[in-house]
Amino acid sequence: MKKTLTLETDYMTLGQFLKEINVISSGGQAKWYLAETSVFVDGELENRRGRKLYPGMMIEIPDEGTFFMEKKETGTSDEAE
């Protein structure tokens, strides 16, 4: 199943991503999860929980799905000059 995850910030770490998609319940479980489960970032096996994920990246987790990172669209700015 292909899903899209919208980033509220410039990037998200792989540990935060795993928590966001509810495959782990706390950030402390990320290291264990990545040691036990194959996670691919842009087609390459990844085991670093601190790996930064940016818009345009694809994350694949067998039995969980394929996820595409995208940046949250921002409206026009009303900044004073």
C-alpha atoms as a PDB file:
ATOM      1  CA  MET A   1       0.000   0.000   0.000  1.00  0.00           C
ATOM      2  CA  LYS A   2       1.337   3.439  -0.949  1.00  0.00           C
ATOM      3  CA  LYS A   3       0.825   6.297   1.483  1.00  0.00           C
ATOM      4  CA  THR A   4       1.923   9.916   1.692  1.00  0.00           C
ATOM      5  CA  LEU A   5       3.243  11.537   4.861  1.00  0.00           C
ATOM      6  CA  THR A   6       3.229  15.338   4.959  1.00  0.00           C
ATOM      7  CA  LEU A   7       6.112  17.015   6.775  1.00  0.00           C
ATOM      8  CA  GLU A   8       5.315  20.001   8.972  1.00  0.00           C
ATOM      9  CA  THR A   9       9.049  20.816   9.236  1.00  0.00           C
ATOM     10  CA  ASP A  10      12.024  20.636   6.850  1.00  0.00           C
ATOM     11  CA  TYR A  11      12.770  17.014   7.756  1.00  0.00           C
ATOM     12  CA  MET A  12      11.870  14.150  10.092  1.00  0.00           C
ATOM     13  CA  THR A  13      14.177  11.480  11.517  1.00  0.00           C
ATOM     14  CA  LEU A  14      13.549   7.835  10.743  1.00  0.00           C
ATOM     15  CA  GLY A  15      12.786   7.212  14.432  1.00  0.00           C
ATOM     16  CA  GLN A  16      10.147   9.964  14.417  1.00  0.00           C
ATOM     17  CA  PHE A  17       8.728   8.553  11.186  1.00  0.00           C
ATOM     18  CA  LEU A  18       8.328   5.069  12.677  1.00  0.00           C
ATOM     19  CA  LYS A  19       6.482   6.549  15.635  1.00  0.00           C
ATOM     20  CA  GLU A  20       4.308   8.719  13.359  1.00  0.00           C
ATOM     21  CA  ILE A  21       3.119   5.709  11.335  1.00  0.00           C
ATOM     22  CA  ASN A  22       2.472   3.765  14.567  1.00  0.00           C
ATOM     23  CA  VAL A  23       4.883   0.861  14.070  1.00  0.00           C
ATOM     24  CA  ILE A  24       6.575   1.749  17.386  1.00  0.00           C
ATOM     25  CA  SER A  25       5.047   3.394  20.434  1.00  0.00           C
ATOM     26  CA  SER A  26       8.115   5.290  21.664  1.00  0.00           C
ATOM     27  CA  GLY A  27      11.310   6.659  20.178  1.00  0.00           C
ATOM     28  CA  GLY A  28      13.344   4.278  22.333  1.00  0.00           C
ATOM     29  CA  GLN A  29      12.013   1.319  20.360  1.00  0.00           C
ATOM     30  CA  ALA A  30      13.398   2.615  17.047  1.00  0.00           C
ATOM     31  CA  LYS A  31      16.870   1.092  17.438  1.00  0.00           C
ATOM     32  CA  TRP A  32      15.430  -2.330  18.248  1.00  0.00           C
ATOM     33  CA  TYR A  33      12.865  -2.126  15.433  1.00  0.00           C
ATOM     34  CA  LEU A  34      15.505  -1.191  12.846  1.00  0.00           C
ATOM     35  CA  ALA A  35      17.741  -4.075  14.007  1.00  0.00           C
ATOM     36  CA  GLU A  36      14.876  -6.558  13.556  1.00  0.00           C
ATOM     37  CA  THR A  37      13.094  -5.151  10.488  1.00  0.00           C
ATOM     38  CA  SER A  38      14.291  -4.226   6.999  1.00  0.00           C
ATOM     39  CA  VAL A  39      13.558  -0.574   6.260  1.00  0.00           C
ATOM     40  CA  PHE A  40      14.530   0.907   2.908  1.00  0.00           C
ATOM     41  CA  VAL A  41      15.033   4.633   2.273  1.00  0.00           C
ATOM     42  CA  ASP A  42      15.126   5.442  -1.444  1.00  0.00           C
ATOM     43  CA  GLY A  43      15.816   1.759  -2.166  1.00  0.00           C
ATOM     44  CA  GLU A  44      18.746   1.389   0.254  1.00  0.00           C
ATOM     45  CA  LEU A  45      18.633  -0.584   3.513  1.00  0.00           C
ATOM     46  CA  GLU A  46      18.709   1.833   6.457  1.00  0.00           C
ATOM     47  CA  ASN A  47      19.268   1.086  10.146  1.00  0.00           C
ATOM     48  CA  ARG A  48      20.052   4.538  11.568  1.00  0.00           C
ATOM     49  CA  ARG A  49      17.170   5.944  13.607  1.00  0.00           C
ATOM     50  CA  GLY A  50      18.577   9.449  13.195  1.00  0.00           C
ATOM     51  CA  ARG A  51      18.517   9.306   9.379  1.00  0.00           C
ATOM     52  CA  LYS A  52      16.928  12.525   8.161  1.00  0.00           C
ATOM     53  CA  LEU A  53      13.977  12.130   5.816  1.00  0.00           C
ATOM     54  CA  TYR A  54      13.243  14.988   3.438  1.00  0.00           C
ATOM     55  CA  PRO A  55      10.395  15.730   1.017  1.00  0.00           C
ATOM     56  CA  GLY A  56      10.660  13.561  -2.083  1.00  0.00           C
ATOM     57  CA  MET A  57      12.095  10.543  -0.272  1.00  0.00           C
ATOM     58  CA  MET A  58      10.458   7.122  -0.371  1.00  0.00           C
ATOM     59  CA  ILE A  59      10.451   4.757   2.612  1.00  0.00           C
ATOM     60  CA  GLU A  60       9.572   1.087   2.164  1.00  0.00           C
ATOM     61  CA  ILE A  61       8.783  -1.246   5.050  1.00  0.00           C
ATOM     62  CA  PRO A  62       7.746  -4.809   4.176  1.00  0.00           C
ATOM     63  CA  ASP A  63       4.297  -5.644   5.623  1.00  0.00           C
ATOM     64  CA  GLU A  64       3.712  -1.930   6.408  1.00  0.00           C
ATOM     65  CA  GLY A  65       3.784  -0.274   2.991  1.00  0.00           C
ATOM     66  CA  THR A  66       5.529   2.339   0.902  1.00  0.00           C
ATOM     67  CA  PHE A  67       5.530   5.920   2.122  1.00  0.00           C
ATOM     68  CA  PHE A  68       6.313   9.115   0.222  1.00  0.00           C
ATOM     69  CA  MET A  69       7.483  12.203   2.086  1.00  0.00           C
ATOM     70  CA  GLU A  70       6.066  15.538   0.991  1.00  0.00           C
ATOM     71  CA  LYS A  71       6.321  19.086   2.287  1.00  0.00           C
ATOM     72  CA  LYS A  72       3.243  20.739   3.704  1.00  0.00           C
ATOM     73  CA  GLU A  73       1.955  23.318   1.270  1.00  0.00           C
ATOM     74  CA  THR A  74       2.080  26.819   2.673  1.00  0.00           C
ATOM     75  CA  GLY A  75      -0.295  29.560   1.694  1.00  0.00           C
ATOM     76  CA  THR A  76       0.720  33.045   0.640  1.00  0.00           C
ATOM     77  CA  SER A  77       2.628  35.022   3.203  1.00  0.00           C
ATOM     78  CA  ASP A  78       1.139  38.145   4.724  1.00  0.00           C
ATOM     79  CA  GLU A  79       4.426  39.504   6.050  1.00  0.00           C
ATOM     80  CA  ALA A  80       4.727  43.261   6.472  1.00  0.00           C
ATOM     81  CA  GLU A  81       7.454  44.927   4.460  1.00  0.00           C
END
